[in-house]
Protein backbone atom coordinates (compact mmCIF):
# COMPACT_ATOMS: atom_id res chain seq x y z
CA UNK A 1 82.46 129.28 98.49
CA UNK A 2 85.41 128.65 96.16
CA UNK A 3 87.48 127.31 99.06
CA UNK A 4 84.72 124.74 99.70
CA UNK A 5 84.85 123.66 96.05
CA UNK A 6 88.62 123.24 96.23
CA UNK A 7 88.37 121.36 99.54
CA UNK A 8 85.82 118.93 98.10
CA UNK A 9 88.17 118.22 95.20
CA UNK A 10 91.12 117.63 97.52
CA UNK A 11 89.09 115.29 99.72
CA UNK A 12 87.85 113.33 96.70
CA UNK A 13 91.39 112.96 95.35
CA UNK A 14 92.67 111.84 98.76
CA UNK A 15 90.08 109.06 98.80
CA UNK A 16 91.10 108.15 95.24
CA UNK A 17 94.78 107.97 96.28
CA UNK A 18 93.88 105.82 99.31
CA UNK A 19 91.99 103.47 96.99
CA UNK A 20 94.94 103.26 94.60
CA UNK A 21 97.31 102.59 97.52
CA UNK A 22 95.02 99.77 98.66
CA UNK A 23 95.07 98.30 95.15
CA UNK A 24 98.88 98.44 95.04
CA UNK A 25 99.18 96.87 98.49
CA UNK A 26 96.97 94.00 97.33
CA UNK A 27 98.54 93.58 93.88
CA UNK A 28 99.70 90.04 94.70
CA UNK A 29 96.54 89.05 96.58
CA UNK A 30 94.57 86.32 94.86
CA UNK A 31 91.75 85.71 97.34
CA UNK A 32 89.74 87.77 99.80
CA UNK A 33 89.12 86.71 103.40
CA UNK A 34 85.86 85.00 102.40
CA UNK A 35 87.51 83.07 99.53
CA UNK A 36 86.39 85.15 96.57
CA UNK A 37 88.81 86.60 94.04
CA UNK A 38 90.41 89.93 94.91
CA UNK A 39 89.15 92.72 92.66
CA UNK A 40 90.74 96.10 92.43
CA UNK A 41 88.60 99.06 93.38
CA UNK A 42 87.91 102.29 91.55
CA UNK A 43 86.38 105.58 92.61
CA UNK A 44 83.43 107.16 90.80
CA UNK A 45 83.14 110.93 91.13
CA UNK A 46 80.12 113.15 90.56
CA UNK A 47 79.56 116.88 90.52
CA UNK A 48 77.75 118.53 93.39
CA UNK A 49 75.03 120.66 91.86
CA UNK A 50 74.87 124.05 93.44
CA UNK A 51 72.04 125.92 95.02
CA UNK A 52 74.10 128.67 96.64
CA UNK A 53 75.16 130.90 93.76
CA UNK A 54 76.73 133.54 95.99
CA UNK A 55 74.63 136.43 94.78
CA UNK A 56 71.22 137.02 93.32
CA UNK A 57 72.63 138.39 90.06
CA UNK A 58 74.81 135.30 89.55
CA UNK A 59 71.83 133.05 90.26
CA UNK A 60 69.72 134.99 87.77
CA UNK A 61 72.44 134.81 85.10
CA UNK A 62 72.84 131.07 85.67
CA UNK A 63 69.08 130.56 85.43
CA UNK A 64 68.95 132.49 82.14
CA UNK A 65 71.66 130.25 80.70
CA UNK A 66 69.99 127.15 82.09
CA UNK A 67 73.08 126.21 84.08
CA UNK A 68 73.61 125.40 87.71
CA UNK A 69 76.57 126.80 89.58
CA UNK A 70 78.67 123.87 90.76
CA UNK A 71 79.56 123.36 94.40
CA UNK A 72 82.38 120.88 93.97
CA UNK A 73 82.79 117.14 93.63
CA UNK A 74 81.88 114.15 95.73
CA UNK A 75 82.40 110.40 95.67
CA UNK A 76 79.38 108.62 94.23
CA UNK A 77 80.72 105.16 95.02
CA UNK A 78 83.76 102.95 95.25
CA UNK A 79 83.31 100.04 92.88
CA UNK A 80 84.97 96.66 92.47
CA UNK A 81 86.26 96.55 88.92
CA UNK A 82 85.73 93.46 86.83
CA UNK A 83 88.53 92.14 84.61
CA UNK A 84 91.67 94.12 83.83
């Protein structure tokens, strides 16, 4: 389970680095292929809410505290940023 959480974080950061590399590669680009202005992109992350707590006692403890056990991170979207 914890290896899956770590793997999801590594994958999300790899996508973030790819997005940053794309922004750097296009730093001097003024127009897109269809004529619009180039806009840098940013990555929006979100937590993956867990449903597999690993054991019944951990699930019960989490329920008592009103907390979910996280399962990692995922990319919600890649957005075009407006302005600077």
